[in-house]
Protein backbone atom coordinates (compact mmCIF):
# COMPACT_ATOMS: atom_id res chain seq x y z
CA MET A 1 3.59 29.20 12.95
CA ILE A 2 2.37 26.07 11.21
CA ASN A 3 0.50 23.18 12.80
CA LYS A 4 -0.45 20.85 9.94
CA VAL A 5 -0.88 17.08 9.83
CA ILE A 6 -1.58 14.90 6.78
CA LEU A 7 -2.29 11.20 7.32
CA VAL A 8 -3.33 8.32 5.08
CA GLY A 9 -4.42 5.21 6.91
CA HIS A 10 -7.16 2.77 7.87
CA VAL A 11 -9.94 3.43 10.38
CA GLY A 12 -9.63 1.24 13.49
CA LYS A 13 -13.33 1.23 14.46
CA ASP A 14 -16.56 2.90 13.40
CA PRO A 15 -16.62 6.58 14.43
CA GLU A 16 -18.24 7.45 17.74
CA ILE A 17 -20.67 10.31 17.09
CA ARG A 18 -22.01 12.73 19.69
CA HIS A 19 -24.64 15.40 19.10
CA LEU A 20 -24.07 18.28 21.52
CA ASP A 21 -26.71 20.58 23.03
CA SER A 22 -25.43 23.41 20.83
CA ASN A 23 -26.69 21.40 17.80
CA GLN A 24 -23.11 20.56 16.80
CA SER A 25 -21.81 17.09 16.00
CA VAL A 26 -18.43 15.65 16.94
CA ALA A 27 -16.93 12.37 15.71
CA ASN A 28 -14.05 10.47 17.30
CA PHE A 29 -12.22 7.55 15.72
CA THR A 30 -8.77 6.03 15.44
CA LEU A 31 -6.63 5.86 12.32
CA ALA A 32 -3.74 3.44 11.81
CA THR A 33 -0.76 4.40 9.68
CA ASN A 34 1.99 1.95 8.77
CA GLU A 35 5.70 2.49 8.39
CA TYR A 36 8.08 -0.10 6.98
CA TYR A 37 11.80 -0.57 7.48
CA VAL A 38 14.37 -3.33 7.07
CA LYS A 39 16.26 -4.69 10.07
CA ASP A 40 18.78 -7.52 9.67
CA GLY A 41 17.35 -8.32 6.23
CA THR A 42 13.77 -8.61 7.53
CA ARG A 43 11.03 -6.20 6.53
CA ILE A 44 9.41 -4.79 9.69
CA GLU A 45 6.00 -3.09 9.78
CA GLN A 46 5.36 -0.55 12.52
CA THR A 47 1.81 0.67 13.08
CA GLU A 48 1.07 4.04 14.68
CA TRP A 49 -2.44 4.81 16.00
CA HIS A 50 -3.82 8.35 15.82
CA ASN A 51 -6.88 9.78 17.59
CA ILE A 52 -8.98 11.78 15.12
CA VAL A 53 -11.61 14.38 16.08
CA ALA A 54 -14.02 15.81 13.50
CA TRP A 55 -16.52 18.62 14.12
CA ARG A 56 -19.71 19.87 12.41
CA GLN A 57 -20.01 18.92 8.70
CA THR A 58 -16.87 16.79 8.85
CA ALA A 59 -18.41 14.84 11.75
CA GLU A 60 -21.64 14.39 9.79
CA TYR A 61 -19.61 13.08 6.84
CA ALA A 62 -17.84 10.64 9.18
CA GLU A 63 -21.19 9.44 10.55
CA LYS A 64 -22.55 8.71 7.07
CA TYR A 65 -19.54 7.38 5.15
CA ILE A 66 -16.70 6.22 7.41
CA ARG A 67 -16.56 2.65 8.71
CA LYS A 68 -13.97 0.41 10.31
CA GLY A 69 -11.35 -0.48 7.69
CA SER A 70 -12.00 2.55 5.45
CA LEU A 71 -8.88 4.00 3.85
CA LEU A 72 -8.83 7.74 4.59
CA TYR A 73 -6.89 10.88 3.80
CA VAL A 74 -7.06 13.14 6.88
CA GLU A 75 -5.76 16.67 7.04
CA GLY A 76 -5.82 18.77 10.20
CA ARG A 77 -3.83 20.05 13.17
CA LEU A 78 -2.43 18.57 16.37
CA ARG A 79 -4.02 19.38 19.70
CA THR A 80 -2.85 18.15 23.10
CA ARG A 81 -5.24 18.11 26.04
CA SER A 82 -4.66 17.29 29.68
CA TRP A 83 -6.87 16.29 32.59
CA ASP A 84 -6.58 15.12 36.19
CA ASP A 85 -7.96 11.73 37.22
CA LYS A 86 -9.79 11.01 40.50
CA GLU A 87 -6.48 10.25 42.26
CA GLY A 88 -4.98 13.58 41.14
CA GLY A 89 -2.78 12.08 38.41
CA LYS A 90 -2.19 14.22 35.33
CA HIS A 91 -2.97 12.64 31.92
CA TYR A 92 -2.27 13.90 28.39
CA THR A 93 -3.60 12.98 24.99
CA THR A 94 -2.69 14.23 21.54
CA GLU A 95 -5.38 14.33 18.84
CA VAL A 96 -5.64 15.32 15.21
CA VAL A 97 -8.46 17.83 14.80
CA SER A 98 -9.46 17.20 11.20
CA ASP A 99 -10.28 19.94 8.72
CA THR A 100 -10.55 17.62 5.71
CA ILE A 101 -11.42 13.94 5.38
CA ARG A 102 -11.43 12.15 2.03
CA ASN A 103 -12.53 8.52 1.78
CA LEU A 104 -10.01 6.65 -0.42
CA THR A 105 -11.73 3.28 -0.15
CA PRO A 106 -12.59 2.01 -3.65
CA LYS A 107 -16.31 2.10 -4.35
CA PRO A 108 -17.93 -1.24 -5.25
CA ALA A 109 -19.28 -1.78 -8.75
CA THR A 110 -22.93 -0.97 -9.25
CA ALA A 111 -25.52 -3.70 -9.84
CA GLY A 112 -25.43 -3.19 -13.63
CA GLY A 113 -21.70 -3.86 -13.74
CA ASN A 114 -20.87 -0.22 -14.44
CA GLU A 115 -18.22 1.39 -12.29
CA PRO A 116 -19.36 4.53 -10.47
CA LYS A 117 -17.93 7.80 -11.78
CA GLU A 118 -15.04 9.17 -9.75
CA GLU A 119 -14.75 12.90 -9.27
CA PRO A 120 -11.23 14.34 -9.59
CA VAL A 121 -9.57 15.02 -6.24
CA LYS A 122 -9.39 18.75 -5.51
CA GLY A 123 -6.38 20.21 -7.29
CA GLU A 124 -5.99 17.35 -9.77
CA ALA A 125 -6.68 17.75 -13.45
CA SER A 126 -8.50 15.01 -15.29
CA THR A 127 -6.81 14.63 -18.68
CA PRO A 128 -8.02 12.08 -21.24
CA ALA A 129 -5.32 9.51 -22.05
CA ASP A 130 -5.11 10.58 -25.73
CA ASP A 131 -4.36 14.20 -24.71
CA LEU A 132 -1.20 13.30 -22.78
CA PRO A 133 1.93 15.03 -24.14
CA PHE A 134 4.03 11.82 -24.32
């Protein structure tokens, strides 16, 4: 069975970080993804909000580097939880438990005017332009 989610979107608010008694960290934040379609000749944008949960090192990364508005690549799995409220009503929520988070927000130029070096994304080859076969 496969339970895999890949999202690219913008963070809705700064991550909420909790440090548990077991010396583990957990981060919670929302991620907005946009979908576009045309209806009656008008381009419509539909935004979907996702609840993201990050644990351990991924949560520590979120605490240090993720802010409201950041553009992120999130990879993980869906998890649905349920609970009963004080009146006995059943509630459900679906979350993305993240395994991988990559910040896609462009880095600002450094003070000297030099752009920071970008590391290749895992799985991508960095080929100099003059070595391209076409």
